[in-house]
């Protein structure tokens, strides 16, 4: 009798373990699906030189986070220091590198222009589109 009880308890323990593992795997699969829907960040670069201003542009399909990564001048200590100037849907202004941040409010073109003193300026910014789960349809049923 004790042997049968041990076998029943062991079988129940294995069944609970298998069910728990299948639930964890289903949750991991859902995380991978959500992660796969993330749009990669894009880097845009702009320059100013003897041939004039060369803005960087990128088109977005929705709201986006913009971060000025770098703005450099050929002068050792330019005054004013080089900065990123960004025009985007819902935003127009100057961002200081390396963490100046702004948000585009919707779809459209983001334009990056370098500001500062010097014969040559180069600036770059990261653009990361922001897509909510509700717009991707992944939150249905949760």
N, C-alpha and C. Protein backbone atom coordinates (compact mmCIF):
# COMPACT_ATOMS: atom_id res chain seq x y z
N UNK A 1 0.81 -1.18 0.00
CA UNK A 1 0.00 0.00 0.00
C UNK A 1 0.86 1.25 0.00
N UNK A 2 1.90 1.26 0.85
CA UNK A 2 2.78 2.41 0.90
C UNK A 2 3.50 2.59 -0.43
N UNK A 3 3.84 1.52 -1.12
CA UNK A 3 4.51 1.58 -2.41
C UNK A 3 3.62 2.22 -3.46
N UNK A 4 2.32 1.85 -3.45
CA UNK A 4 1.38 2.45 -4.40
C UNK A 4 1.20 3.94 -4.14
N UNK A 5 1.15 4.34 -2.87
CA UNK A 5 1.01 5.74 -2.51
C UNK A 5 2.22 6.53 -3.00
N UNK A 6 3.39 5.96 -2.84
CA UNK A 6 4.62 6.61 -3.30
C UNK A 6 4.58 6.80 -4.82
N UNK A 7 4.13 5.80 -5.56
CA UNK A 7 4.05 5.88 -7.02
C UNK A 7 3.04 6.95 -7.44
N UNK A 8 1.90 7.02 -6.77
CA UNK A 8 0.87 8.03 -7.09
C UNK A 8 1.43 9.44 -6.84
N UNK A 9 2.09 9.64 -5.70
CA UNK A 9 2.66 10.96 -5.38
C UNK A 9 3.74 11.32 -6.39
N UNK A 10 4.57 10.37 -6.76
CA UNK A 10 5.62 10.63 -7.75
C UNK A 10 5.02 11.01 -9.10
N UNK A 11 3.99 10.31 -9.53
CA UNK A 11 3.33 10.62 -10.82
C UNK A 11 2.69 12.00 -10.79
N UNK A 12 2.03 12.33 -9.68
CA UNK A 12 1.43 13.66 -9.55
C UNK A 12 2.49 14.75 -9.57
N UNK A 13 3.61 14.52 -8.91
CA UNK A 13 4.70 15.49 -8.90
C UNK A 13 5.25 15.71 -10.31
N UNK A 14 5.42 14.65 -11.05
CA UNK A 14 5.92 14.75 -12.43
C UNK A 14 4.92 15.50 -13.29
N UNK A 15 3.63 15.22 -13.12
CA UNK A 15 2.60 15.90 -13.92
C UNK A 15 2.59 17.40 -13.63
N UNK A 16 2.68 17.78 -12.36
CA UNK A 16 2.72 19.20 -12.00
C UNK A 16 3.96 19.86 -12.59
N UNK A 17 5.09 19.20 -12.53
CA UNK A 17 6.34 19.74 -13.08
C UNK A 17 6.21 19.95 -14.59
N UNK A 18 5.67 18.96 -15.31
CA UNK A 18 5.51 19.06 -16.77
C UNK A 18 4.57 20.20 -17.13
N UNK A 19 3.46 20.35 -16.42
CA UNK A 19 2.53 21.44 -16.69
C UNK A 19 3.18 22.80 -16.43
N UNK A 20 3.95 22.90 -15.36
CA UNK A 20 4.62 24.16 -15.05
C UNK A 20 5.64 24.51 -16.14
N UNK A 21 6.38 23.53 -16.62
CA UNK A 21 7.37 23.76 -17.68
C UNK A 21 6.70 24.21 -18.97
N UNK A 22 5.56 23.59 -19.32
CA UNK A 22 4.88 23.97 -20.56
C UNK A 22 4.36 25.40 -20.46
N UNK A 23 3.92 25.84 -19.28
CA UNK A 23 3.46 27.21 -19.09
C UNK A 23 4.62 28.19 -19.22
N UNK A 24 5.77 27.86 -18.66
CA UNK A 24 6.96 28.71 -18.76
C UNK A 24 7.39 28.82 -20.21
N UNK A 25 7.38 27.73 -20.95
CA UNK A 25 7.77 27.76 -22.37
C UNK A 25 6.78 28.61 -23.17
N UNK A 26 5.52 28.55 -22.86
CA UNK A 26 4.52 29.37 -23.56
C UNK A 26 4.75 30.85 -23.28
N UNK A 27 5.09 31.19 -22.03
CA UNK A 27 5.38 32.58 -21.69
C UNK A 27 6.63 33.06 -22.41
N UNK A 28 7.69 32.23 -22.47
CA UNK A 28 8.92 32.59 -23.17
C UNK A 28 8.65 32.80 -24.65
N UNK A 29 7.81 31.97 -25.24
CA UNK A 29 7.48 32.13 -26.66
C UNK A 29 6.78 33.46 -26.89
N UNK A 30 5.89 33.85 -26.00
CA UNK A 30 5.22 35.14 -26.10
C UNK A 30 6.19 36.30 -25.99
N UNK A 31 7.19 36.20 -25.10
CA UNK A 31 8.20 37.25 -24.97
C UNK A 31 9.01 37.37 -26.24
N UNK A 32 9.37 36.26 -26.84
CA UNK A 32 10.14 36.31 -28.08
C UNK A 32 9.33 36.97 -29.18
N UNK A 33 8.05 36.71 -29.23
CA UNK A 33 7.20 37.32 -30.25
C UNK A 33 7.16 38.83 -30.06
N UNK A 34 7.00 39.29 -28.83
CA UNK A 34 6.97 40.72 -28.59
C UNK A 34 8.33 41.34 -28.90
N UNK A 35 9.42 40.68 -28.52
CA UNK A 35 10.75 41.20 -28.77
C UNK A 35 11.00 41.30 -30.27
N UNK A 36 10.55 40.33 -31.04
CA UNK A 36 10.77 40.33 -32.48
C UNK A 36 10.06 41.47 -33.19
N UNK A 37 9.03 42.06 -32.58
CA UNK A 37 8.29 43.14 -33.22
C UNK A 37 8.96 44.50 -33.03
N UNK A 38 9.98 44.57 -32.20
CA UNK A 38 10.67 45.84 -31.97
C UNK A 38 11.43 46.26 -33.22
N UNK A 39 11.24 47.50 -33.63
CA UNK A 39 11.94 48.03 -34.79
C UNK A 39 13.33 48.46 -34.34
N UNK A 40 14.38 48.05 -35.06
CA UNK A 40 15.74 48.42 -34.65
C UNK A 40 15.95 49.93 -34.71
N UNK A 41 16.79 50.41 -33.82
CA UNK A 41 17.14 51.83 -33.83
C UNK A 41 17.95 52.15 -35.09
N UNK A 42 17.78 53.37 -35.56
CA UNK A 42 18.54 53.82 -36.73
C UNK A 42 19.40 55.01 -36.32
N UNK A 43 20.59 55.09 -36.90
CA UNK A 43 21.51 56.20 -36.64
C UNK A 43 21.50 57.10 -37.86
N UNK A 44 21.30 58.40 -37.62
CA UNK A 44 21.40 59.36 -38.72
C UNK A 44 22.57 60.30 -38.44
N UNK A 45 23.22 60.75 -39.51
CA UNK A 45 24.40 61.60 -39.40
C UNK A 45 24.22 62.83 -40.27
N UNK A 46 24.71 63.95 -39.79
CA UNK A 46 24.68 65.20 -40.55
C UNK A 46 26.07 65.82 -40.50
N UNK A 47 26.40 66.61 -41.51
CA UNK A 47 27.69 67.30 -41.55
C UNK A 47 27.51 68.73 -42.04
N UNK A 48 28.48 69.57 -41.68
CA UNK A 48 28.61 70.92 -42.21
C UNK A 48 30.05 71.04 -42.65
N UNK A 49 30.26 71.50 -43.87
CA UNK A 49 31.61 71.66 -44.39
C UNK A 49 31.68 72.80 -45.39
N UNK A 50 32.79 72.86 -46.11
CA UNK A 50 32.99 73.92 -47.11
C UNK A 50 31.90 73.88 -48.19
N UNK A 51 31.31 72.73 -48.43
CA UNK A 51 30.27 72.58 -49.45
C UNK A 51 28.87 72.85 -48.87
N UNK A 52 28.81 73.24 -47.61
CA UNK A 52 27.52 73.60 -47.02
C UNK A 52 26.99 72.57 -46.03
N UNK A 53 25.72 72.74 -45.73
CA UNK A 53 25.01 71.91 -44.75
C UNK A 53 24.50 70.62 -45.43
N UNK A 54 24.74 69.48 -44.79
CA UNK A 54 24.26 68.19 -45.29
C UNK A 54 23.47 67.51 -44.16
N UNK A 55 22.16 67.78 -44.09
CA UNK A 55 21.35 67.22 -43.00
C UNK A 55 21.17 65.71 -43.13
N UNK A 56 20.92 65.09 -42.02
CA UNK A 56 20.55 63.67 -42.00
C UNK A 56 19.04 63.57 -41.86
N UNK A 57 18.44 62.61 -42.53
CA UNK A 57 16.99 62.44 -42.44
C UNK A 57 16.64 60.97 -42.29
N UNK A 58 15.49 60.74 -41.69
CA UNK A 58 14.93 59.40 -41.60
C UNK A 58 13.41 59.54 -41.49
N UNK A 59 12.71 58.66 -42.16
CA UNK A 59 11.24 58.63 -42.08
C UNK A 59 10.82 57.61 -41.04
N UNK A 60 9.81 57.97 -40.25
CA UNK A 60 9.29 57.05 -39.24
C UNK A 60 7.81 56.80 -39.49
N UNK A 61 7.35 55.65 -39.03
CA UNK A 61 5.95 55.29 -39.23
C UNK A 61 5.09 55.59 -38.00
N UNK A 62 5.71 56.15 -36.97
CA UNK A 62 4.98 56.47 -35.75
C UNK A 62 5.85 57.26 -34.80
N UNK A 63 5.43 57.40 -33.54
CA UNK A 63 6.22 58.13 -32.55
C UNK A 63 7.63 57.54 -32.42
N UNK A 64 8.60 58.40 -32.08
CA UNK A 64 9.98 57.94 -31.97
C UNK A 64 10.73 58.72 -30.90
N UNK A 65 11.71 58.06 -30.31
CA UNK A 65 12.62 58.69 -29.35
C UNK A 65 13.89 59.05 -30.12
N UNK A 66 14.37 60.29 -29.94
CA UNK A 66 15.56 60.77 -30.64
C UNK A 66 16.59 61.14 -29.59
N UNK A 67 17.83 60.64 -29.74
CA UNK A 67 18.91 60.95 -28.80
C UNK A 67 20.12 61.45 -29.59
N UNK A 68 20.60 62.65 -29.24
CA UNK A 68 21.82 63.18 -29.85
C UNK A 68 23.00 62.42 -29.24
N UNK A 69 23.70 61.68 -30.08
CA UNK A 69 24.81 60.85 -29.60
C UNK A 69 26.14 61.60 -29.57
N UNK A 70 26.39 62.36 -30.65
CA UNK A 70 27.68 63.03 -30.77
C UNK A 70 27.54 64.25 -31.65
N UNK A 71 28.26 65.31 -31.31
CA UNK A 71 28.36 66.50 -32.14
C UNK A 71 29.78 67.03 -31.97
N UNK A 72 30.54 67.06 -33.05
CA UNK A 72 31.95 67.45 -32.95
C UNK A 72 32.27 68.54 -33.97
N UNK A 73 33.30 69.30 -33.66
CA UNK A 73 33.80 70.37 -34.51
C UNK A 73 35.28 70.12 -34.77
N UNK A 74 35.80 70.72 -35.85
CA UNK A 74 37.24 70.59 -36.11
C UNK A 74 38.04 71.51 -35.19
N UNK A 75 37.39 72.44 -34.50
CA UNK A 75 38.08 73.32 -33.56
C UNK A 75 38.24 72.64 -32.21
N UNK A 76 39.36 72.87 -31.52
CA UNK A 76 39.58 72.18 -30.24
C UNK A 76 38.58 72.56 -29.13
N UNK A 77 38.24 73.83 -28.99
CA UNK A 77 37.30 74.27 -27.96
C UNK A 77 36.33 75.28 -28.56
N UNK A 78 35.42 74.83 -29.42
CA UNK A 78 34.53 75.79 -30.08
C UNK A 78 33.54 76.41 -29.10
N UNK A 79 33.23 77.68 -29.33
CA UNK A 79 32.21 78.37 -28.55
C UNK A 79 31.25 79.02 -29.52
N UNK A 80 30.04 78.64 -29.63
CA UNK A 80 29.39 77.60 -28.82
C UNK A 80 29.81 76.20 -29.25
N UNK A 81 29.64 75.26 -28.33
CA UNK A 81 29.95 73.86 -28.62
C UNK A 81 28.97 73.31 -29.65
N UNK A 82 29.42 72.31 -30.39
CA UNK A 82 28.57 71.68 -31.40
C UNK A 82 27.39 70.97 -30.73
N UNK A 83 26.23 71.08 -31.37
CA UNK A 83 25.01 70.45 -30.87
C UNK A 83 24.22 69.86 -32.04
N UNK A 84 23.23 69.07 -31.72
CA UNK A 84 22.30 68.52 -32.71
C UNK A 84 21.05 69.40 -32.73
N UNK A 85 20.63 69.79 -33.91
CA UNK A 85 19.35 70.48 -34.04
C UNK A 85 18.41 69.51 -34.74
N UNK A 86 17.26 69.25 -34.14
CA UNK A 86 16.33 68.25 -34.65
C UNK A 86 14.99 68.89 -34.97
N UNK A 87 14.47 68.55 -36.15
CA UNK A 87 13.10 68.88 -36.52
C UNK A 87 12.38 67.56 -36.73
N UNK A 88 11.26 67.40 -36.04
CA UNK A 88 10.50 66.15 -36.11
C UNK A 88 9.03 66.48 -35.86
N UNK A 89 8.13 65.57 -36.19
CA UNK A 89 6.72 65.82 -35.88
C UNK A 89 6.54 66.11 -34.38
N UNK A 90 6.05 67.29 -34.06
CA UNK A 90 5.81 67.65 -32.67
C UNK A 90 7.02 68.15 -31.92
N UNK A 91 8.18 68.32 -32.57
CA UNK A 91 9.38 68.81 -31.87
C UNK A 91 10.30 69.54 -32.84
N UNK A 92 10.87 70.64 -32.36
CA UNK A 92 11.90 71.36 -33.09
C UNK A 92 12.78 72.02 -32.05
N UNK A 93 14.06 71.62 -32.00
CA UNK A 93 14.93 72.21 -30.99
C UNK A 93 16.32 71.62 -30.99
N UNK A 94 17.13 72.15 -30.08
CA UNK A 94 18.53 71.76 -29.94
C UNK A 94 18.69 70.70 -28.87
N UNK A 95 19.52 69.70 -29.16
CA UNK A 95 19.84 68.64 -28.20
C UNK A 95 21.34 68.62 -27.98
N UNK A 96 21.75 68.58 -26.72
CA UNK A 96 23.18 68.50 -26.39
C UNK A 96 23.63 67.05 -26.32
N UNK A 97 24.79 66.74 -26.93
CA UNK A 97 25.30 65.38 -26.84
C UNK A 97 25.89 65.15 -25.45
N UNK A 98 25.99 63.95 -24.97
CA UNK A 98 25.69 62.69 -25.63
C UNK A 98 24.31 62.13 -25.27
N UNK A 99 23.53 62.86 -24.47
CA UNK A 99 22.26 62.27 -24.03
C UNK A 99 21.06 63.18 -24.25
N UNK A 100 21.22 64.26 -25.00
CA UNK A 100 20.08 65.13 -25.27
C UNK A 100 18.99 64.33 -25.95
N UNK A 101 17.77 64.40 -25.43
CA UNK A 101 16.69 63.52 -25.88
C UNK A 101 15.42 64.29 -26.19
N UNK A 102 14.72 63.83 -27.23
CA UNK A 102 13.43 64.42 -27.60
C UNK A 102 12.54 63.31 -28.13
N UNK A 103 11.27 63.64 -28.34
CA UNK A 103 10.32 62.66 -28.88
C UNK A 103 9.59 63.24 -30.08
N UNK A 104 9.50 62.43 -31.12
CA UNK A 104 8.65 62.77 -32.26
C UNK A 104 7.26 62.24 -31.92
N UNK A 105 6.24 63.05 -32.16
CA UNK A 105 4.89 62.70 -31.72
C UNK A 105 4.16 61.74 -32.65
N UNK A 106 4.68 61.54 -33.86
CA UNK A 106 3.99 60.66 -34.79
C UNK A 106 4.81 60.40 -36.03
N UNK A 107 4.17 59.83 -37.03
CA UNK A 107 4.86 59.48 -38.28
C UNK A 107 5.30 60.74 -39.00
N UNK A 108 6.41 60.62 -39.73
CA UNK A 108 6.91 61.74 -40.51
C UNK A 108 8.40 61.65 -40.71
N UNK A 109 8.99 62.75 -41.12
CA UNK A 109 10.43 62.81 -41.37
C UNK A 109 11.12 63.52 -40.23
N UNK A 110 12.20 62.92 -39.75
CA UNK A 110 13.05 63.53 -38.73
C UNK A 110 14.29 64.05 -39.43
N UNK A 111 14.61 65.32 -39.18
CA UNK A 111 15.75 65.97 -39.81
C UNK A 111 16.76 66.34 -38.74
N UNK A 112 18.03 65.99 -38.98
CA UNK A 112 19.13 66.31 -38.08
C UNK A 112 20.05 67.31 -38.76
N UNK A 113 20.38 68.40 -38.06
CA UNK A 113 21.28 69.43 -38.56
C UNK A 113 22.30 69.70 -37.46
N UNK A 114 23.57 69.91 -37.85
CA UNK A 114 24.62 70.25 -36.88
C UNK A 114 24.67 71.76 -36.69
N UNK A 115 24.78 72.18 -35.43
CA UNK A 115 24.97 73.59 -35.09
C UNK A 115 26.28 73.73 -34.34
N UNK A 116 26.94 74.86 -34.48
CA UNK A 116 28.15 75.12 -33.73
C UNK A 116 29.15 75.92 -34.54
N UNK A 117 30.34 76.08 -33.98
CA UNK A 117 31.40 76.86 -34.61
C UNK A 117 32.46 75.92 -35.16
N UNK A 118 32.98 76.25 -36.36
CA UNK A 118 34.05 75.47 -36.96
C UNK A 118 33.86 75.34 -38.46
N UNK A 119 34.94 74.93 -39.14
CA UNK A 119 34.87 74.73 -40.59
C UNK A 119 34.23 73.39 -40.94
N UNK A 120 34.28 72.47 -40.01
CA UNK A 120 33.68 71.15 -40.25
C UNK A 120 32.98 70.69 -38.98
N UNK A 121 31.71 70.32 -39.10
CA UNK A 121 30.94 69.78 -37.98
C UNK A 121 30.35 68.45 -38.40
N UNK A 122 30.28 67.52 -37.46
CA UNK A 122 29.62 66.23 -37.70
C UNK A 122 28.81 65.90 -36.45
N UNK A 123 27.57 65.48 -36.69
CA UNK A 123 26.74 65.07 -35.55
C UNK A 123 25.96 63.81 -35.92
N UNK A 124 25.57 63.09 -34.90
CA UNK A 124 24.79 61.87 -35.12
C UNK A 124 23.75 61.72 -34.02
N UNK A 125 22.64 61.07 -34.40
CA UNK A 125 21.55 60.84 -33.46
C UNK A 125 20.96 59.45 -33.69
N UNK A 126 20.45 58.87 -32.61
CA UNK A 126 19.78 57.57 -32.69
C UNK A 126 18.28 57.82 -32.70
N UNK A 127 17.58 57.15 -33.60
CA UNK A 127 16.12 57.27 -33.70
C UNK A 127 15.54 55.88 -33.44
N UNK A 128 14.73 55.78 -32.40
CA UNK A 128 14.09 54.51 -32.04
C UNK A 128 12.59 54.71 -32.09
N UNK A 129 11.93 54.02 -33.03
CA UNK A 129 10.47 54.11 -33.10
C UNK A 129 9.86 53.43 -31.89
N UNK A 130 8.76 54.00 -31.42
CA UNK A 130 8.07 53.50 -30.23
C UNK A 130 6.72 52.95 -30.69
N UNK A 131 6.54 51.65 -30.54
CA UNK A 131 5.27 51.02 -30.91
C UNK A 131 4.68 50.37 -29.67
N UNK A 132 3.48 50.77 -29.31
CA UNK A 132 2.83 50.18 -28.14
C UNK A 132 2.31 48.80 -28.50
N UNK A 133 2.14 47.97 -27.49
CA UNK A 133 1.63 46.62 -27.71
C UNK A 133 0.22 46.65 -28.28
N UNK A 134 -0.57 47.65 -27.88
CA UNK A 134 -1.94 47.69 -28.36
C UNK A 134 -1.98 47.95 -29.87
N UNK A 135 -1.00 48.73 -30.40
CA UNK A 135 -1.01 48.98 -31.84
C UNK A 135 -0.49 47.79 -32.62
N UNK A 136 0.26 46.90 -31.96
CA UNK A 136 0.77 45.72 -32.66
C UNK A 136 -0.16 44.53 -32.54
N UNK A 137 -1.18 44.62 -31.66
CA UNK A 137 -2.15 43.54 -31.49
C UNK A 137 -1.67 42.43 -30.57
N UNK A 138 -0.53 42.63 -29.90
CA UNK A 138 0.01 41.56 -29.06
C UNK A 138 -0.62 41.53 -27.66
N UNK A 139 -1.35 42.57 -27.29
CA UNK A 139 -1.91 42.56 -25.95
C UNK A 139 -3.31 41.98 -25.91
N UNK A 140 -3.84 41.54 -27.01
CA UNK A 140 -5.19 40.98 -27.00
C UNK A 140 -5.20 39.67 -26.24
N UNK A 141 -6.17 39.51 -25.39
CA UNK A 141 -6.31 38.28 -24.63
C UNK A 141 -5.54 38.28 -23.33
N UNK A 142 -4.90 39.36 -22.95
CA UNK A 142 -4.16 39.40 -21.69
C UNK A 142 -4.80 40.35 -20.72
